[in-house]
Amino acid sequence: MKNLILLFFFFYSTISFSQAVQSKVLSQTEITERDLDGGKFPIFRAYEYQDKGGVYELVLSENQKVISDKDTLNTKIEAVCYLNDHGGYIEKWKINDLIESAEVEETSIWFWTKYCSTQDLDNDGYIEPVLVYGTKTDVGDLRRIKIITLYKGKKYVIRAVECDLDYCRSFKKDKNWNSLPTKVKTHIDKLVVKIRKEQNVILADG
């Protein structure tokens, strides 16, 4: 009898946990139904996720400055995360960035949704969104790559600059990076390796 009670408790906990943490990519119809497409930039991708904190809508927007048959160039991007509050929305956090024209001129910036995720990385019942975006130069080379992890409402950022020459290449983690849980850091480390391999980038200091 005791074993049956323990088994029931295990399955109940597993079912409750799996129901509490969910995530999906929203279709264009769902974006319109949720009234999320009224921002200043066109939506490139939108996610809805649910954890112990509630239901959230994460909207990734790009300004699509130049649109052609071959390519779409963006000069600005924005990510906004909303808490769904009984049909209304409360903004929880926002990320903005734009192209730079310093040492090397950039021509486009975009969300790398192939590497973005909305998962519970440390199994604590809360989702830790990971956003990745990059920039390209006027000759089409990758320039900047940012990996941003949201953990308990705080942003933890990896900033990388790609360059053929050692002196202009960099890979920096925020000073607070080591305060992240080990499981979260391990996930991001594996993501860095994956990007490095698939995109043939260095992602390292000069």
Protein backbone atom coordinates (compact mmCIF):
# COMPACT_ATOMS: atom_id res chain seq x y z
CA MET A 1 0.00 0.00 0.00
CA LYS A 2 2.81 2.37 0.89
CA ASN A 3 4.49 1.68 -2.47
CA LEU A 4 1.22 2.40 -4.30
CA ILE A 5 0.90 5.75 -2.51
CA LEU A 6 4.48 6.68 -3.39
CA LEU A 7 3.91 5.63 -7.01
CA PHE A 8 0.72 7.73 -7.20
CA PHE A 9 2.53 10.73 -5.73
CA PHE A 10 5.33 10.34 -8.28
CA PHE A 11 2.96 10.25 -11.26
CA TYR A 12 0.85 13.11 -9.87
CA SER A 13 3.96 15.26 -9.39
CA THR A 14 5.21 14.42 -12.90
CA ILE A 15 1.86 15.24 -14.51
CA SER A 16 1.47 18.48 -12.52
CA PHE A 17 4.99 19.58 -13.40
CA SER A 18 4.59 18.79 -17.11
CA GLN A 19 1.34 20.76 -17.16
CA ALA A 20 2.89 23.73 -15.37
CA VAL A 21 5.76 24.26 -17.85
CA GLN A 22 4.72 24.57 -21.50
CA SER A 23 5.96 26.47 -24.52
CA LYS A 24 4.99 26.92 -28.16
CA VAL A 25 5.63 29.12 -31.19
CA LEU A 26 2.57 31.22 -32.06
CA SER A 27 1.10 31.18 -35.56
CA GLN A 28 0.23 34.44 -37.32
CA THR A 29 -3.43 33.81 -36.53
CA GLU A 30 -2.63 33.34 -32.84
CA ILE A 31 -0.50 36.50 -32.84
CA THR A 32 -3.45 38.47 -34.24
CA GLU A 33 -5.95 36.84 -31.86
CA ARG A 34 -3.77 37.81 -28.89
CA ASP A 35 -3.45 41.38 -30.24
CA LEU A 36 0.35 41.21 -30.20
CA ASP A 37 1.03 42.68 -33.66
CA GLY A 38 0.51 46.33 -32.79
CA GLY A 39 4.14 47.09 -31.96
CA LYS A 40 6.47 49.47 -33.74
CA PHE A 41 8.19 46.70 -35.77
CA PRO A 42 6.82 43.68 -37.68
CA ILE A 43 6.87 40.47 -35.62
CA PHE A 44 9.41 37.92 -36.78
CA ARG A 45 8.61 35.25 -34.19
CA ALA A 46 6.40 35.03 -31.10
CA TYR A 47 6.33 32.46 -28.31
CA GLU A 48 3.80 31.68 -25.62
CA TYR A 49 5.05 29.89 -22.53
CA GLN A 50 3.63 28.97 -19.16
CA ASP A 51 5.45 28.23 -15.91
CA LYS A 52 4.85 28.70 -12.20
CA GLY A 53 4.91 32.47 -12.71
CA GLY A 54 2.01 32.52 -15.18
CA VAL A 55 1.47 32.70 -18.94
CA TYR A 56 3.89 34.84 -20.98
CA GLU A 57 3.99 36.16 -24.55
CA LEU A 58 7.51 36.73 -25.93
CA VAL A 59 7.55 38.82 -29.11
CA LEU A 60 10.62 39.19 -31.35
CA SER A 61 10.38 42.08 -33.81
CA GLU A 62 12.63 43.35 -36.62
CA ASN A 63 12.11 46.62 -38.47
CA GLN A 64 12.66 45.16 -41.98
CA LYS A 65 14.31 48.32 -43.28
CA VAL A 66 15.09 46.89 -46.73
CA ILE A 67 12.97 44.11 -48.21
CA SER A 68 13.91 42.49 -51.51
CA ASP A 69 13.51 39.16 -53.30
CA LYS A 70 16.96 38.09 -52.11
CA ASP A 71 17.16 39.37 -48.56
CA THR A 72 15.61 41.39 -45.75
CA LEU A 73 17.87 43.83 -43.93
CA ASN A 74 17.08 45.08 -40.44
CA THR A 75 18.64 48.05 -38.72
CA LYS A 76 16.81 47.61 -35.39
CA ILE A 77 15.39 44.72 -33.36
CA GLU A 78 13.28 44.46 -30.23
CA ALA A 79 12.21 41.64 -27.90
CA VAL A 80 9.38 42.21 -25.43
CA CYS A 81 8.10 39.75 -22.85
CA TYR A 82 4.58 40.24 -21.52
CA LEU A 83 2.78 38.57 -18.64
CA ASN A 84 -0.73 37.62 -19.75
CA ASP A 85 -2.89 39.12 -17.02
CA HIS A 86 -6.52 38.03 -17.59
CA GLY A 87 -6.49 39.15 -21.20
CA GLY A 88 -4.32 42.23 -20.64
CA TYR A 89 -0.54 42.43 -20.82
CA ILE A 90 2.05 43.57 -18.32
CA GLU A 91 5.51 44.20 -19.77
CA LYS A 92 8.10 42.25 -17.79
CA TRP A 93 11.28 42.99 -19.74
CA LYS A 94 12.52 44.36 -23.05
CA ILE A 95 15.65 44.09 -25.21
CA ASN A 96 16.60 46.57 -27.94
CA ASP A 97 19.58 46.72 -30.27
CA LEU A 98 20.60 48.22 -33.61
CA ILE A 99 23.36 48.05 -36.18
CA GLU A 100 26.65 49.83 -35.52
CA SER A 101 28.94 51.75 -37.85
CA ALA A 102 32.10 51.98 -35.81
CA GLU A 103 35.26 50.13 -36.83
CA VAL A 104 33.36 47.89 -39.26
CA GLU A 105 30.01 48.99 -40.66
CA GLU A 106 27.12 46.61 -40.06
CA THR A 107 24.26 46.36 -42.53
CA SER A 108 21.80 44.02 -40.82
CA ILE A 109 20.80 42.66 -37.41
CA TRP A 110 18.45 39.73 -36.84
CA PHE A 111 17.19 37.24 -34.27
CA TRP A 112 18.78 33.84 -34.71
CA THR A 113 15.65 31.89 -33.78
CA LYS A 114 17.36 28.60 -34.65
CA TYR A 115 19.26 29.06 -31.39
CA CYS A 116 16.60 30.84 -29.31
CA SER A 117 14.62 28.80 -26.79
CA THR A 118 12.01 28.95 -24.05
CA GLN A 119 12.82 26.03 -21.74
CA ASP A 120 13.08 25.29 -18.05
CA LEU A 121 16.83 24.74 -18.05
CA ASP A 122 17.33 23.97 -14.36
CA ASN A 123 14.04 22.14 -13.65
CA ASP A 124 12.84 24.65 -11.08
CA GLY A 125 9.40 25.14 -12.65
CA TYR A 126 10.34 28.47 -14.29
CA ILE A 127 11.32 28.96 -17.93
CA GLU A 128 14.63 30.64 -18.72
CA PRO A 129 14.31 32.27 -22.18
CA VAL A 130 17.49 32.31 -24.26
CA LEU A 131 17.72 34.85 -27.09
CA VAL A 132 20.43 34.86 -29.73
CA TYR A 133 20.93 37.51 -32.37
CA GLY A 134 23.69 38.56 -34.73
CA THR A 135 24.83 41.23 -37.14
CA LYS A 136 26.42 41.17 -40.57
CA THR A 137 28.87 43.51 -42.25
CA ASP A 138 28.48 45.13 -45.65
CA VAL A 139 30.34 42.16 -47.21
CA GLY A 140 28.07 39.59 -45.54
CA ASP A 141 30.40 38.44 -42.77
CA LEU A 142 29.15 37.81 -39.24
CA ARG A 143 30.21 40.60 -36.90
CA ARG A 144 28.52 40.63 -33.49
CA ILE A 145 26.76 37.75 -31.75
CA LYS A 146 24.84 38.15 -28.49
CA ILE A 147 23.44 35.37 -26.32
CA ILE A 148 21.06 36.66 -23.65
CA THR A 149 19.70 34.44 -20.88
CA LEU A 150 16.84 35.61 -18.67
CA TYR A 151 16.96 34.10 -15.20
CA LYS A 152 14.58 35.23 -12.46
CA GLY A 153 14.01 38.52 -14.26
CA LYS A 154 17.72 39.35 -14.70
CA LYS A 155 19.67 39.39 -17.96
CA TYR A 156 22.92 37.47 -18.34
CA VAL A 157 24.72 38.31 -21.57
CA ILE A 158 27.53 36.87 -23.69
CA ARG A 159 28.91 39.41 -26.16
CA ALA A 160 31.09 38.20 -29.03
CA VAL A 161 32.73 40.05 -31.89
CA GLU A 162 33.99 38.02 -34.85
CA CYS A 163 37.08 39.15 -36.73
CA ASP A 164 39.86 37.50 -38.74
CA LEU A 165 42.45 39.42 -36.74
CA ASP A 166 43.10 38.56 -33.08
CA TYR A 167 43.10 42.14 -31.82
CA CYS A 168 39.55 42.88 -32.95
CA ARG A 169 37.97 39.60 -31.85
CA SER A 170 36.37 39.19 -28.42
CA PHE A 171 34.17 36.90 -26.34
CA LYS A 172 32.94 38.27 -23.01
CA LYS A 173 30.51 37.01 -20.38
CA ASP A 174 28.81 39.37 -17.93
CA LYS A 175 30.50 39.68 -14.52
CA ASN A 176 27.46 38.10 -12.89
CA TRP A 177 27.60 35.04 -15.17
CA ASN A 178 28.90 32.64 -12.51
CA SER A 179 25.87 33.34 -10.31
CA LEU A 180 23.72 31.35 -12.77
CA PRO A 181 22.85 27.75 -11.82
CA THR A 182 25.24 25.13 -13.18
CA LYS A 183 22.56 23.55 -15.39
CA VAL A 184 21.85 26.89 -17.08
CA LYS A 185 25.55 27.62 -17.68
CA THR A 186 26.09 24.10 -19.04
CA HIS A 187 23.21 24.56 -21.50
CA ILE A 188 24.64 27.87 -22.76
CA ASP A 189 28.16 26.41 -23.03
CA LYS A 190 26.77 23.64 -25.24
CA LEU A 191 24.87 26.22 -27.28
CA VAL A 192 28.09 28.18 -27.86
CA VAL A 193 29.79 24.99 -29.10
CA LYS A 194 26.82 24.28 -31.40
CA ILE A 195 26.88 27.79 -32.91
CA ARG A 196 30.65 27.64 -33.31
CA LYS A 197 30.43 24.34 -35.17
CA GLU A 198 27.40 25.03 -37.35
CA GLN A 199 28.26 28.61 -38.30
CA ASN A 200 32.04 28.21 -38.55
CA VAL A 201 32.69 31.07 -36.14
CA ILE A 202 35.44 31.39 -33.54
CA LEU A 203 33.49 32.74 -30.53
CA ALA A 204 36.65 33.26 -28.50
CA ASP A 205 38.94 36.03 -27.36
CA GLY A 206 41.69 37.13 -29.74
